[in-house]
N, C-alpha and C. Protein backbone atom coordinates (compact mmCIF):
# COMPACT_ATOMS: atom_id res chain seq x y z
N MET A 1 122.49 195.80 245.04
CA MET A 1 123.36 195.41 244.10
C MET A 1 124.20 194.52 244.28
N GLY A 2 124.49 193.21 243.97
CA GLY A 2 125.11 192.13 244.43
C GLY A 2 126.53 192.35 244.44
N ASN A 3 127.19 191.64 245.19
CA ASN A 3 128.67 191.45 244.87
C ASN A 3 129.19 190.71 243.79
N VAL A 4 130.34 191.28 243.20
CA VAL A 4 130.90 190.92 241.96
C VAL A 4 132.04 190.08 242.35
N SER A 5 132.17 188.80 242.28
CA SER A 5 133.47 188.25 242.50
C SER A 5 134.33 187.98 241.35
N SER A 6 135.68 187.91 241.43
CA SER A 6 136.55 187.67 240.20
C SER A 6 136.77 186.31 240.08
N PRO A 7 136.80 185.93 238.86
CA PRO A 7 137.27 184.31 238.75
C PRO A 7 138.63 184.08 239.03
N ARG A 8 139.40 185.11 239.23
CA ARG A 8 140.99 184.87 239.49
C ARG A 8 140.97 184.96 241.01
N THR A 9 142.05 184.26 241.43
CA THR A 9 142.54 184.26 242.73
C THR A 9 143.41 185.34 242.74
N ALA A 10 143.37 186.26 243.80
CA ALA A 10 144.32 187.42 244.10
C ALA A 10 145.69 186.82 244.52
N ARG A 11 146.72 187.39 244.00
CA ARG A 11 148.03 187.24 244.23
C ARG A 11 148.83 188.28 244.80
N VAL A 12 149.71 187.97 245.64
CA VAL A 12 150.62 189.03 246.34
C VAL A 12 151.99 188.96 245.37
N ILE A 13 152.01 190.17 244.71
CA ILE A 13 153.33 190.42 243.83
C ILE A 13 154.49 190.81 244.49
N ASP A 14 155.48 190.21 244.90
CA ASP A 14 156.74 190.60 245.32
C ASP A 14 157.46 191.57 244.40
N LEU A 15 157.55 192.86 244.50
CA LEU A 15 157.96 193.74 243.67
C LEU A 15 159.82 193.55 243.61
N ASP A 16 160.01 193.47 244.67
CA ASP A 16 161.56 193.10 244.78
C ASP A 16 162.08 191.81 244.04
N THR A 17 161.32 190.54 244.13
CA THR A 17 161.64 189.59 243.31
C THR A 17 161.47 189.98 241.70
N MET A 18 160.39 190.83 241.33
CA MET A 18 160.25 191.03 240.05
C MET A 18 161.58 191.82 239.53
N ARG A 19 162.00 192.78 240.38
CA ARG A 19 163.20 193.69 239.98
C ARG A 19 164.34 192.99 239.75
N GLN A 20 164.41 191.86 240.79
CA GLN A 20 165.58 190.84 240.42
C GLN A 20 165.68 190.19 239.16
N ARG A 21 164.44 189.47 238.94
CA ARG A 21 164.38 188.94 237.72
C ARG A 21 164.61 189.84 236.33
N ARG A 22 164.19 190.91 236.54
CA ARG A 22 164.47 191.84 235.30
C ARG A 22 165.84 192.29 235.44
N GLN A 23 166.49 192.60 236.39
CA GLN A 23 167.75 192.73 236.59
C GLN A 23 168.88 191.51 235.86
N ALA A 24 168.38 190.30 236.30
CA ALA A 24 169.16 189.10 235.84
C ALA A 24 169.15 189.10 234.32
N GLN A 25 167.79 189.21 233.73
CA GLN A 25 167.93 189.32 232.38
C GLN A 25 168.47 190.10 231.63
N ARG A 26 169.03 191.48 232.32
CA ARG A 26 170.03 192.40 231.56
C ARG A 26 171.33 191.92 231.80
N ARG A 27 171.70 190.97 232.43
CA ARG A 27 172.85 190.66 233.05
C ARG A 27 173.58 190.17 231.46
N ILE A 28 174.96 190.49 231.29
CA ILE A 28 175.60 189.94 230.15
C ILE A 28 176.17 188.64 230.54
N LEU A 29 176.08 187.87 229.63
CA LEU A 29 176.63 186.59 229.43
C LEU A 29 177.73 186.36 228.73
N ARG A 30 178.19 187.05 227.65
CA ARG A 30 179.14 187.01 226.76
C ARG A 30 179.38 188.16 226.10
N LEU A 31 180.56 188.44 225.70
CA LEU A 31 181.18 189.57 224.91
C LEU A 31 181.61 189.14 223.84
N ALA A 32 181.72 190.22 222.63
CA ALA A 32 182.37 189.57 221.32
C ALA A 32 182.96 190.99 221.12
N PRO A 33 184.41 191.36 220.92
CA PRO A 33 184.87 192.54 220.44
C PRO A 33 184.31 192.88 219.05
N GLU A 34 184.42 194.26 218.81
CA GLU A 34 184.05 194.74 217.52
C GLU A 34 185.21 195.31 216.87
N LEU A 35 185.90 194.56 215.75
CA LEU A 35 186.88 194.51 215.04
C LEU A 35 186.80 195.15 213.66
N ASP A 36 185.66 195.41 213.37
CA ASP A 36 185.28 195.75 211.98
C ASP A 36 184.92 197.28 211.66
N GLY A 37 185.28 198.13 212.73
CA GLY A 37 185.10 199.53 212.81
C GLY A 37 183.71 199.94 212.65
N LEU A 38 182.77 199.11 213.02
CA LEU A 38 181.29 199.72 213.09
C LEU A 38 181.30 200.55 214.44
N GLU A 39 180.34 201.65 214.17
CA GLU A 39 180.06 202.62 214.87
C GLU A 39 178.78 202.81 215.52
N MET A 40 178.74 203.48 216.75
CA MET A 40 177.48 204.04 217.41
C MET A 40 177.11 205.37 217.13
N LEU A 41 176.05 205.71 216.53
CA LEU A 41 175.55 207.07 216.19
C LEU A 41 174.65 207.72 217.33
N TYR A 42 174.94 208.92 217.71
CA TYR A 42 174.18 209.73 218.55
C TYR A 42 173.92 211.07 218.36
N HIS A 43 173.23 211.84 218.94
CA HIS A 43 172.93 213.40 218.75
C HIS A 43 172.86 213.93 220.08
N LEU A 44 173.08 215.31 220.17
CA LEU A 44 172.67 215.82 221.16
C LEU A 44 171.36 216.71 221.23
N ALA A 45 170.77 216.87 222.39
CA ALA A 45 169.55 217.13 222.71
C ALA A 45 169.61 218.96 222.00
N SER A 46 170.65 219.43 221.91
CA SER A 46 170.85 220.85 221.38
C SER A 46 171.00 220.89 219.95
N ASP A 47 171.40 219.92 219.49
CA ASP A 47 171.42 219.62 217.91
C ASP A 47 170.93 218.48 217.46
N PRO A 48 169.57 218.29 217.57
CA PRO A 48 169.35 216.79 217.04
C PRO A 48 169.44 216.41 215.62
N GLU A 49 169.77 217.38 214.86
CA GLU A 49 169.88 217.38 213.21
C GLU A 49 171.36 216.72 212.72
N THR A 50 172.27 216.95 213.91
CA THR A 50 173.73 216.28 213.59
C THR A 50 173.89 215.17 214.23
N LEU A 51 174.48 213.89 213.75
CA LEU A 51 174.73 212.93 214.16
C LEU A 51 176.37 212.74 214.47
N TYR A 52 176.48 212.43 215.50
CA TYR A 52 178.13 212.07 216.07
C TYR A 52 178.52 210.48 215.88
N GLY A 53 179.55 210.14 215.64
CA GLY A 53 180.04 208.64 215.71
C GLY A 53 181.00 208.34 216.59
N MET A 54 180.67 207.34 217.35
CA MET A 54 181.92 206.80 218.44
C MET A 54 181.91 205.15 217.92
N PRO A 55 183.13 204.77 217.91
CA PRO A 55 183.56 203.57 217.44
C PRO A 55 182.99 202.56 218.68
N LEU A 56 182.44 201.23 218.19
CA LEU A 56 181.91 200.54 219.11
C LEU A 56 182.99 199.70 219.64
N LEU A 57 183.05 199.51 220.94
CA LEU A 57 184.10 198.30 221.60
C LEU A 57 183.82 196.84 221.56
N ALA A 58 182.57 196.67 221.67
CA ALA A 58 182.08 195.30 221.72
C ALA A 58 180.60 195.17 221.50
N TRP A 59 180.21 193.98 221.56
CA TRP A 59 178.81 193.49 221.33
C TRP A 59 178.36 192.59 222.86
N GLY A 60 177.55 192.63 223.35
CA GLY A 60 177.07 191.89 224.37
C GLY A 60 175.84 190.99 224.18
N LEU A 61 175.89 189.96 224.95
CA LEU A 61 174.67 188.95 224.78
C LEU A 61 174.24 188.99 226.20
N ARG A 62 172.92 189.31 226.54
CA ARG A 62 172.22 189.45 227.94
C ARG A 62 171.68 188.15 228.09
N GLU A 63 171.01 187.67 229.29
CA GLU A 63 170.36 186.79 229.63
C GLU A 63 168.97 186.41 228.99
N SER A 64 168.54 187.84 228.56
CA SER A 64 167.30 187.80 228.03
C SER A 64 167.31 187.21 226.54
N GLY A 65 168.52 187.18 225.89
CA GLY A 65 168.79 186.83 224.46
C GLY A 65 168.91 188.08 223.91
N GLU A 66 168.79 189.23 224.22
CA GLU A 66 169.07 190.55 223.39
C GLU A 66 170.63 190.72 223.29
N VAL A 67 170.89 191.30 222.21
CA VAL A 67 172.35 191.74 221.81
C VAL A 67 172.44 193.21 221.90
N VAL A 68 173.37 193.62 222.39
CA VAL A 68 173.53 195.06 222.56
C VAL A 68 174.89 195.56 222.27
N GLY A 69 174.94 196.64 221.57
CA GLY A 69 176.22 197.56 221.36
C GLY A 69 176.88 198.10 222.67
N LEU A 70 178.02 197.90 222.69
CA LEU A 70 178.85 198.54 224.17
C LEU A 70 179.78 199.46 223.72
N VAL A 71 179.66 200.72 224.38
CA VAL A 71 180.85 201.77 224.21
C VAL A 71 181.26 202.20 225.75
N PRO A 72 182.45 202.49 225.93
CA PRO A 72 182.80 203.28 227.19
C PRO A 72 182.28 204.65 227.21
N TRP A 73 181.30 204.77 228.18
CA TRP A 73 180.62 205.72 228.16
C TRP A 73 180.34 206.39 229.67
N MET A 74 180.79 207.54 230.08
CA MET A 74 180.78 208.05 231.21
C MET A 74 181.35 207.04 232.53
N GLU A 75 180.51 206.57 233.55
CA GLU A 75 181.44 205.71 234.32
C GLU A 75 181.29 204.06 234.10
N ALA A 76 180.90 203.64 232.66
CA ALA A 76 180.72 202.19 232.73
C ALA A 76 180.84 201.91 231.16
N LEU A 77 180.83 200.65 230.77
CA LEU A 77 180.54 200.16 229.46
C LEU A 77 179.12 200.04 229.33
N THR A 78 178.72 201.02 228.49
CA THR A 78 177.41 201.05 228.47
C THR A 78 176.72 200.71 227.23
N ALA A 79 175.32 200.15 227.34
CA ALA A 79 174.61 199.65 226.06
C ALA A 79 174.34 200.95 225.26
N CYS A 80 174.58 200.76 224.05
CA CYS A 80 174.40 202.22 223.20
C CYS A 80 172.93 202.58 223.36
N HIS A 81 171.90 201.69 223.10
CA HIS A 81 170.47 201.84 223.18
C HIS A 81 169.92 202.56 224.37
N GLU A 82 170.70 202.29 225.44
CA GLU A 82 170.38 202.97 226.58
C GLU A 82 170.83 204.51 226.93
N MET A 83 171.63 204.84 226.00
CA MET A 83 172.01 206.41 226.16
C MET A 83 171.03 207.28 225.85
N ASP A 84 170.53 207.96 226.95
CA ASP A 84 169.41 209.04 226.62
C ASP A 84 169.60 209.92 227.79
N SER A 85 170.48 210.88 227.48
CA SER A 85 170.94 211.96 228.37
C SER A 85 170.62 213.46 227.70
N PRO A 86 169.94 214.24 227.96
CA PRO A 86 169.95 215.66 227.57
C PRO A 86 171.26 216.45 227.50
N ASP A 87 172.20 215.84 228.36
CA ASP A 87 173.38 216.67 228.39
C ASP A 87 174.58 215.83 227.62
N HIS A 88 174.49 214.44 227.55
CA HIS A 88 175.51 213.85 226.96
C HIS A 88 175.17 213.10 225.61
N GLY A 89 174.04 212.91 225.45
CA GLY A 89 173.38 212.49 223.96
C GLY A 89 172.56 211.50 224.13
N HIS A 90 171.83 211.23 223.01
CA HIS A 90 170.77 210.23 222.77
C HIS A 90 171.27 209.23 221.67
N PHE A 91 171.07 208.02 221.71
CA PHE A 91 171.48 207.05 220.89
C PHE A 91 170.36 207.23 219.49
N PHE A 92 170.97 206.99 218.43
CA PHE A 92 170.24 207.00 217.09
C PHE A 92 170.34 205.63 216.32
N GLY A 93 171.45 205.05 216.33
CA GLY A 93 171.61 203.81 215.80
C GLY A 93 173.11 203.40 215.44
N TYR A 94 173.11 202.42 214.72
CA TYR A 94 174.68 202.08 214.12
C TYR A 94 174.93 202.52 212.90
N ARG A 95 176.16 202.18 212.80
CA ARG A 95 176.90 202.93 211.25
C ARG A 95 177.88 201.88 210.81
N ASP A 96 177.78 201.41 209.47
CA ASP A 96 179.14 200.90 208.75
C ASP A 96 179.96 201.99 208.04
N PRO A 97 180.95 202.64 208.75
CA PRO A 97 181.64 203.67 207.92
C PRO A 97 182.11 203.48 206.47
N GLU A 98 182.36 202.05 206.14
CA GLU A 98 182.94 201.81 205.02
C GLU A 98 181.84 201.79 203.92
N THR A 99 180.47 201.43 204.26
CA THR A 99 179.44 201.38 203.38
C THR A 99 178.59 202.70 203.41
N GLU A 100 178.77 203.29 204.82
CA GLU A 100 177.66 204.54 205.20
C GLU A 100 176.38 203.89 205.49
N GLU A 101 176.14 202.45 205.56
CA GLU A 101 174.82 201.95 205.80
C GLU A 101 174.74 202.32 207.47
N ILE A 102 173.33 202.53 207.79
CA ILE A 102 172.94 203.00 208.98
C ILE A 102 171.76 201.78 209.57
N PHE A 103 171.98 201.30 210.47
CA PHE A 103 170.97 200.35 210.71
C PHE A 103 170.85 200.38 212.37
N HIS A 104 169.62 199.94 213.01
CA HIS A 104 169.03 199.96 214.20
C HIS A 104 169.11 198.87 215.12
N SER A 105 169.83 197.63 214.51
CA SER A 105 169.71 196.45 215.33
C SER A 105 170.96 195.93 215.12
N PRO A 106 171.50 195.08 216.03
CA PRO A 106 172.89 194.36 215.98
C PRO A 106 172.83 193.61 214.82
N PRO A 107 174.16 193.63 213.98
CA PRO A 107 174.08 192.78 212.62
C PRO A 107 174.14 191.27 213.09
N GLU A 108 173.64 190.64 212.03
CA GLU A 108 173.32 189.16 212.22
C GLU A 108 174.45 188.47 212.55
N HIS A 109 175.78 188.71 211.98
CA HIS A 109 176.67 187.74 212.36
C HIS A 109 177.44 187.91 213.57
N LYS A 110 177.02 189.26 214.39
CA LYS A 110 177.60 189.20 215.84
C LYS A 110 176.60 188.30 216.72
N VAL A 111 175.17 188.66 216.29
CA VAL A 111 174.15 187.66 217.04
C VAL A 111 174.65 186.31 216.91
N TYR A 112 174.85 185.67 215.92
CA TYR A 112 175.25 184.57 215.91
C TYR A 112 176.46 184.14 216.60
N GLU A 113 177.48 184.81 216.34
CA GLU A 113 178.80 184.56 217.10
C GLU A 113 178.50 184.46 218.59
N LEU A 114 177.87 185.49 219.18
CA LEU A 114 177.44 185.39 220.45
C LEU A 114 176.71 184.29 220.93
N GLU A 115 175.67 184.17 220.30
CA GLU A 115 175.04 182.88 220.83
C GLU A 115 175.66 181.52 220.77
N HIS A 116 176.34 181.42 219.53
CA HIS A 116 177.24 180.09 219.59
C HIS A 116 178.28 180.03 220.49
N ALA A 117 179.01 181.22 220.79
CA ALA A 117 180.19 181.31 221.96
C ALA A 117 179.21 180.97 223.17
N ALA A 118 178.33 181.50 223.63
CA ALA A 118 177.74 181.12 224.71
C ALA A 118 177.09 180.08 225.02
N ALA A 119 176.64 179.06 223.88
CA ALA A 119 176.18 177.80 224.08
C ALA A 119 177.50 177.04 224.29
N TYR A 120 178.68 177.34 223.59
CA TYR A 120 179.85 176.48 223.83
C TYR A 120 180.46 176.59 225.00
N PHE A 121 180.75 177.96 225.38
CA PHE A 121 181.20 178.08 226.93
C PHE A 121 180.18 178.28 227.84
N ASP A 122 179.44 177.28 228.39
CA ASP A 122 178.50 177.43 229.29
C ASP A 122 179.13 176.88 230.77
N TYR A 123 179.32 178.02 231.36
CA TYR A 123 179.64 177.95 232.71
C TYR A 123 178.70 177.52 233.81
N GLU A 124 179.21 176.94 234.94
CA GLU A 124 178.22 176.56 235.88
C GLU A 124 178.13 177.57 236.80
N GLU A 125 176.95 177.92 237.43
CA GLU A 125 176.62 178.89 238.30
C GLU A 125 177.47 178.76 239.57
N THR A 126 178.09 179.79 239.84
CA THR A 126 178.87 180.16 241.30
C THR A 126 178.28 181.08 242.15
N SER A 127 178.53 181.06 243.35
CA SER A 127 178.08 182.33 244.17
C SER A 127 179.13 183.32 244.15
N ALA A 128 180.40 182.76 244.37
CA ALA A 128 181.74 183.57 244.18
C ALA A 128 181.94 184.18 242.70
N PRO A 129 182.22 185.59 242.73
CA PRO A 129 182.44 186.19 241.47
C PRO A 129 183.74 185.56 240.72
N THR A 130 183.36 185.08 239.33
CA THR A 130 184.02 184.41 238.56
C THR A 130 184.46 185.04 237.39
N LEU A 131 185.71 185.18 237.05
CA LEU A 131 186.02 185.68 235.50
C LEU A 131 185.57 184.65 234.47
N ILE A 132 184.83 185.54 233.58
CA ILE A 132 184.42 184.66 232.42
C ILE A 132 185.22 185.13 231.15
N GLN A 133 185.40 186.18 230.96
CA GLN A 133 186.13 186.85 229.69
C GLN A 133 187.26 187.95 229.99
N GLN A 134 188.27 188.08 229.17
CA GLN A 134 188.95 189.23 229.31
C GLN A 134 189.15 189.85 227.78
N LEU A 135 188.91 191.05 227.61
CA LEU A 135 189.20 191.55 226.09
C LEU A 135 190.32 192.62 226.17
N PRO A 136 190.95 192.75 225.16
CA PRO A 136 191.80 194.04 225.18
C PRO A 136 191.05 195.19 224.88
N ASP A 137 191.42 196.37 225.32
CA ASP A 137 190.95 197.67 224.70
C ASP A 137 191.62 197.79 223.30
N THR A 138 190.80 198.05 222.19
CA THR A 138 191.38 198.42 220.98
C THR A 138 191.27 199.66 220.34
N GLN A 139 190.79 200.79 221.61
CA GLN A 139 190.47 202.13 221.07
C GLN A 139 191.23 203.17 221.66
N GLY A 140 192.12 202.79 222.68
CA GLY A 140 192.90 203.69 223.35
C GLY A 140 192.09 204.29 224.28
N THR A 141 191.20 203.68 224.91
CA THR A 141 190.27 204.30 226.03
C THR A 141 191.12 204.74 227.20
N HIS A 142 190.73 205.69 228.06
CA HIS A 142 191.48 206.28 229.19
C HIS A 142 190.36 206.42 230.21
N ALA A 143 190.75 206.13 231.22
CA ALA A 143 189.76 206.41 232.66
C ALA A 143 190.53 207.68 233.47
N LEU A 144 189.58 208.18 233.74
CA LEU A 144 189.96 209.35 235.10
C LEU A 144 189.42 208.71 236.15
N CYS A 145 190.37 208.51 237.15
CA CYS A 145 190.13 207.86 238.30
C CYS A 145 190.16 208.83 239.51
N LEU A 146 189.18 208.88 240.06
CA LEU A 146 188.97 209.92 241.24
C LEU A 146 189.06 209.17 242.54
N ALA A 147 189.64 210.01 243.62
CA ALA A 147 189.70 209.23 244.75
C ALA A 147 188.60 209.52 245.58
N SER A 148 188.30 208.90 246.77
CA SER A 148 186.96 209.03 247.57
C SER A 148 186.97 210.42 247.90
N ASP A 149 187.95 211.18 248.14
CA ASP A 149 187.42 212.47 248.57
C ASP A 149 187.18 213.49 247.40
N GLY A 150 187.15 212.98 246.31
CA GLY A 150 186.78 213.74 245.14
C GLY A 150 187.81 215.14 244.76
N GLU A 151 189.10 214.84 245.44
CA GLU A 151 189.95 216.19 245.01
C GLU A 151 191.01 215.62 244.22
N SER A 152 191.70 214.37 244.39
CA SER A 152 192.84 213.88 243.55
C SER A 152 192.39 213.10 242.51
N TRP A 153 193.06 213.03 241.29
CA TRP A 153 192.40 212.26 240.25
C TRP A 153 193.70 211.76 239.37
N GLN A 154 193.79 210.92 238.55
CA GLN A 154 194.85 210.21 237.66
C GLN A 154 194.02 210.00 236.21
N LEU A 155 194.88 210.04 235.48
CA LEU A 155 194.20 209.63 234.09
C LEU A 155 195.00 208.54 233.59
N LYS A 156 194.34 207.28 233.44
CA LYS A 156 195.21 206.25 233.11
C LYS A 156 194.42 205.54 231.93
N GLN A 157 195.42 204.72 231.15
CA GLN A 157 195.01 203.97 230.16
C GLN A 157 194.33 202.69 230.28
N VAL A 158 193.14 202.49 229.88
CA VAL A 158 192.35 201.25 230.04
C VAL A 158 193.15 200.37 229.01
N PHE A 159 193.72 198.95 229.39
CA PHE A 159 194.23 197.96 228.69
C PHE A 159 193.45 196.85 228.48
N GLY A 160 192.27 196.62 229.05
CA GLY A 160 191.40 195.48 228.79
C GLY A 160 190.10 195.84 229.59
N TRP A 161 189.38 194.77 229.51
CA TRP A 161 187.95 194.79 230.18
C TRP A 161 187.82 193.29 230.45
N ARG A 162 187.27 192.92 231.69
CA ARG A 162 186.59 191.72 232.28
C ARG A 162 185.36 191.64 232.39
N LEU A 163 184.95 190.29 231.96
CA LEU A 163 183.47 190.01 232.19
C LEU A 163 183.50 189.17 233.34
N TYR A 164 182.77 189.36 234.27
CA TYR A 164 182.20 188.39 235.44
C TYR A 164 181.05 187.64 235.69
N ASN A 165 180.98 186.53 236.05
CA ASN A 165 179.82 185.79 236.00
C ASN A 165 178.37 186.63 236.76
N ASP A 166 178.42 187.54 237.18
CA ASP A 166 177.36 188.36 237.66
C ASP A 166 177.00 189.46 236.65
N GLY A 167 177.69 189.52 235.35
CA GLY A 167 177.35 190.44 234.54
C GLY A 167 178.09 191.70 234.49
N ASN A 168 178.73 191.92 235.68
CA ASN A 168 179.67 193.04 235.74
C ASN A 168 180.72 193.14 234.71
N VAL A 169 181.34 194.24 234.11
CA VAL A 169 182.09 194.39 233.16
C VAL A 169 183.19 195.42 233.78
N GLU A 170 184.36 195.16 234.06
CA GLU A 170 185.31 196.18 234.89
C GLU A 170 186.53 196.54 233.94
N SER A 171 186.84 197.67 233.76
CA SER A 171 187.90 197.96 233.09
C SER A 171 189.28 197.68 233.84
N LEU A 172 190.71 197.33 232.76
CA LEU A 172 191.70 197.02 233.44
C LEU A 172 192.92 198.07 233.33
N LEU A 173 193.05 198.39 234.48
CA LEU A 173 194.19 199.43 234.89
C LEU A 173 195.27 198.99 235.14
N VAL A 174 196.62 199.80 234.92
CA VAL A 174 197.93 199.21 235.47
C VAL A 174 198.68 199.78 236.50
N ASP A 175 199.10 199.01 237.53
CA ASP A 175 199.77 199.50 238.44
C ASP A 175 201.43 199.63 238.19
N GLU A 176 201.91 200.70 237.83
CA GLU A 176 202.99 201.01 237.38
C GLU A 176 204.25 200.33 237.99
N LYS A 177 203.94 200.24 239.45
CA LYS A 177 204.74 199.72 240.23
C LYS A 177 205.08 198.05 240.38
N ARG A 178 203.85 197.64 239.53
CA ARG A 178 204.05 195.91 239.52
C ARG A 178 204.48 195.58 238.14
N VAL A 179 204.86 196.66 237.01
CA VAL A 179 205.14 196.12 235.69
C VAL A 179 206.37 195.61 235.81
N GLU A 180 206.28 194.33 235.15
CA GLU A 180 207.74 193.53 234.94
C GLU A 180 208.05 193.21 233.62
N GLN A 181 207.20 193.39 232.66
CA GLN A 181 207.43 193.28 231.13
C GLN A 181 206.49 194.18 230.42
N THR A 182 207.22 194.24 229.24
CA THR A 182 206.08 194.98 228.37
C THR A 182 206.35 194.44 227.02
N PRO A 183 205.29 194.64 226.16
CA PRO A 183 204.15 195.31 226.47
C PRO A 183 203.14 194.74 227.15
N ILE A 184 202.25 195.29 227.96
CA ILE A 184 201.45 194.79 229.05
C ILE A 184 200.18 194.30 228.27
N VAL A 185 199.80 192.98 228.35
CA VAL A 185 198.52 192.58 228.11
C VAL A 185 197.83 191.89 228.98
N ALA A 186 196.43 191.70 228.63
CA ALA A 186 195.38 191.16 229.56
C ALA A 186 195.99 190.02 230.11
N GLY A 187 195.61 189.69 231.58
CA GLY A 187 196.15 188.58 232.21
C GLY A 187 197.55 189.18 233.03
N ASP A 188 198.16 190.05 232.78
CA ASP A 188 199.35 190.38 233.65
C ASP A 188 198.96 190.77 235.13
N ALA A 189 199.92 190.44 235.97
CA ALA A 189 199.64 190.61 237.20
C ALA A 189 199.61 192.18 237.59
N CYS A 190 200.04 192.95 236.92
CA CYS A 190 200.22 194.34 237.28
C CYS A 190 198.79 194.93 236.85
N LEU A 191 197.82 194.42 236.29
CA LEU A 191 196.51 194.97 235.95
C LEU A 191 195.54 194.69 236.97
N TYR A 192 194.71 195.49 237.29
CA TYR A 192 193.66 195.60 238.29
C TYR A 192 192.27 196.13 237.73
N ALA A 193 191.09 195.69 238.28
CA ALA A 193 189.95 196.21 237.99
C ALA A 193 189.85 197.73 238.58
N GLY A 194 189.37 198.63 237.62
CA GLY A 194 189.30 199.82 238.10
C GLY A 194 188.59 200.13 239.44
N HIS A 195 187.31 199.79 239.64
CA HIS A 195 186.33 199.97 240.54
C HIS A 195 187.10 199.28 241.88
N SER A 196 188.00 198.50 241.83
CA SER A 196 188.64 197.85 243.07
C SER A 196 189.42 198.69 243.78
N ARG A 197 190.03 199.79 243.25
CA ARG A 197 190.90 200.97 243.82
C ARG A 197 190.41 202.24 243.89
N HIS A 198 189.46 202.57 242.93
CA HIS A 198 189.03 203.89 242.74
C HIS A 198 187.38 204.03 243.01
N ALA A 199 187.24 205.30 243.73
CA ALA A 199 185.69 205.38 244.09
C ALA A 199 185.11 205.49 242.86
N THR A 200 185.50 206.48 242.04
CA THR A 200 184.92 206.84 240.61
C THR A 200 185.73 206.57 239.39
N VAL A 201 185.03 206.16 238.43
CA VAL A 201 185.82 206.09 237.09
C VAL A 201 185.28 206.62 236.08
N TYR A 202 185.58 207.61 235.36
CA TYR A 202 185.04 208.18 234.03
C TYR A 202 185.69 207.66 232.87
N TYR A 203 185.18 207.32 231.80
CA TYR A 203 185.98 206.83 230.66
C TYR A 203 185.90 207.98 229.34
N PHE A 204 187.09 208.06 228.64
CA PHE A 204 187.12 209.01 227.85
C PHE A 204 187.69 208.23 226.68
N GLN A 205 187.19 208.88 225.24
CA GLN A 205 188.20 208.24 224.10
C GLN A 205 189.62 209.14 223.88
N ARG A 206 190.21 208.50 223.19
CA ARG A 206 191.77 208.51 222.96
C ARG A 206 192.07 210.03 222.97
N HIS A 207 190.92 210.88 221.89
CA HIS A 207 191.43 212.24 221.44
C HIS A 207 191.14 213.09 222.67
N ILE A 208 190.13 212.97 223.29
CA ILE A 208 189.78 213.72 224.73
C ILE A 208 190.86 213.36 225.69
N ALA A 209 191.34 212.24 225.80
CA ALA A 209 192.40 211.96 226.80
C ALA A 209 193.64 212.84 226.44
N ASN A 210 193.95 213.08 225.24
CA ASN A 210 195.03 213.78 224.59
C ASN A 210 194.80 215.46 225.06
N GLN A 211 193.68 215.76 224.79
CA GLN A 211 193.46 217.04 225.04
C GLN A 211 193.74 217.33 226.54
N ILE A 212 193.36 216.39 227.64
CA ILE A 212 193.68 216.61 228.81
C ILE A 212 195.10 216.47 229.15
N LYS A 213 195.64 215.57 228.57
CA LYS A 213 196.98 215.62 228.77
C LYS A 213 197.79 217.16 228.06
N GLN A 214 197.35 217.43 227.35
CA GLN A 214 197.92 219.00 226.84
C GLN A 214 197.25 219.86 227.56
N GLN A 215 196.30 219.63 228.65
CA GLN A 215 195.81 220.67 229.28
C GLN A 215 195.03 221.93 228.35
N ASP A 216 194.27 221.26 227.39
CA ASP A 216 193.47 222.12 226.61
C ASP A 216 192.55 223.17 227.37
N PRO A 217 192.42 224.21 227.32
CA PRO A 217 191.42 225.10 228.42
C PRO A 217 190.10 224.72 228.55
N THR A 218 189.67 224.50 227.17
CA THR A 218 188.35 224.22 227.28
C THR A 218 187.76 222.82 227.85
N THR A 219 188.48 221.65 227.57
CA THR A 219 188.54 220.35 227.89
C THR A 219 188.75 220.43 229.67
N MET A 220 189.64 221.24 229.98
CA MET A 220 190.12 221.39 231.38
C MET A 220 188.89 222.03 232.28
N GLU A 221 188.45 223.20 231.75
CA GLU A 221 187.22 223.49 232.23
C GLU A 221 186.24 222.67 232.31
N ALA A 222 185.76 221.94 231.21
CA ALA A 222 184.50 220.84 231.32
C ALA A 222 184.89 219.74 232.42
N LEU A 223 186.44 219.30 232.49
CA LEU A 223 186.83 218.27 233.33
C LEU A 223 186.56 218.90 234.97
N ALA A 224 186.92 219.96 235.14
CA ALA A 224 186.85 220.67 236.63
C ALA A 224 185.30 220.78 236.87
N VAL A 225 184.41 221.12 235.86
CA VAL A 225 182.89 221.05 236.04
C VAL A 225 182.38 219.41 236.60
N MET A 226 182.88 218.61 235.86
CA MET A 226 182.50 217.16 236.00
C MET A 226 183.13 216.46 237.27
N THR A 227 184.34 216.97 237.83
CA THR A 227 184.92 216.51 238.99
C THR A 227 184.67 217.28 240.24
N THR A 228 184.14 218.36 240.19
CA THR A 228 183.95 219.16 241.42
C THR A 228 182.43 218.81 241.77
N PRO A 229 182.55 218.52 243.24
CA PRO A 229 181.21 218.14 243.93
C PRO A 229 180.13 219.39 243.86
N SER A 230 178.96 218.99 243.55
CA SER A 230 178.03 220.17 243.55
C SER A 230 177.91 220.81 244.84
N SER A 231 177.87 222.15 244.67
CA SER A 231 177.56 222.90 245.92
C SER A 231 176.07 222.69 246.79
N SER A 232 176.02 222.64 248.04
CA SER A 232 174.97 222.61 248.73
C SER A 232 173.92 223.96 248.55
N SER A 233 174.53 224.85 248.10
CA SER A 233 173.84 226.25 247.90
C SER A 233 173.29 226.05 246.43
């Protein structure tokens, strides 16, 4: 039997380069705050028939052109449709609580807003981290900040969010020793990026933060499980 030759020339595929390209397409270029009360809907694996609502903080435009809803979730400002955890929840869709309409794609007015804003604010590429946007936090989000030793922690209010040119989004926390005037607003010198000082940051909605402040037993028990390093046994 004769040899079969392929008409195509064999190519070496650089997997690392492919990963970098895919990561670049996921990079957030622009944020738009959600100010009309739209929500993310999710369900738990233990009860898939019950839907839970969480207010959306913002919408993000990725380099690929994809628009995603964003919520403070666990350790990051997270794209809603990427929530797929048996322990913490699975994304279901979006909801307008005023009309009770449920939809699964970002609303057109937010897509247009982000596309036009990104075209208008066309920043030059820089190798150094550059601040692109600052958004105030409108939901009373709190951050549980853990020290590198995993033992001490602080509960701090999130005052805003910063988007950098590499697509990273950082929460803005306050350094109480540097407060010179109130109310505190985005841009004040007393604000710093959460991960610049804290090894780990977990985000909570306002009502959960209040339960932590009130030392609610059930909440504190769950918090202890979250913040205690797993045993090697």
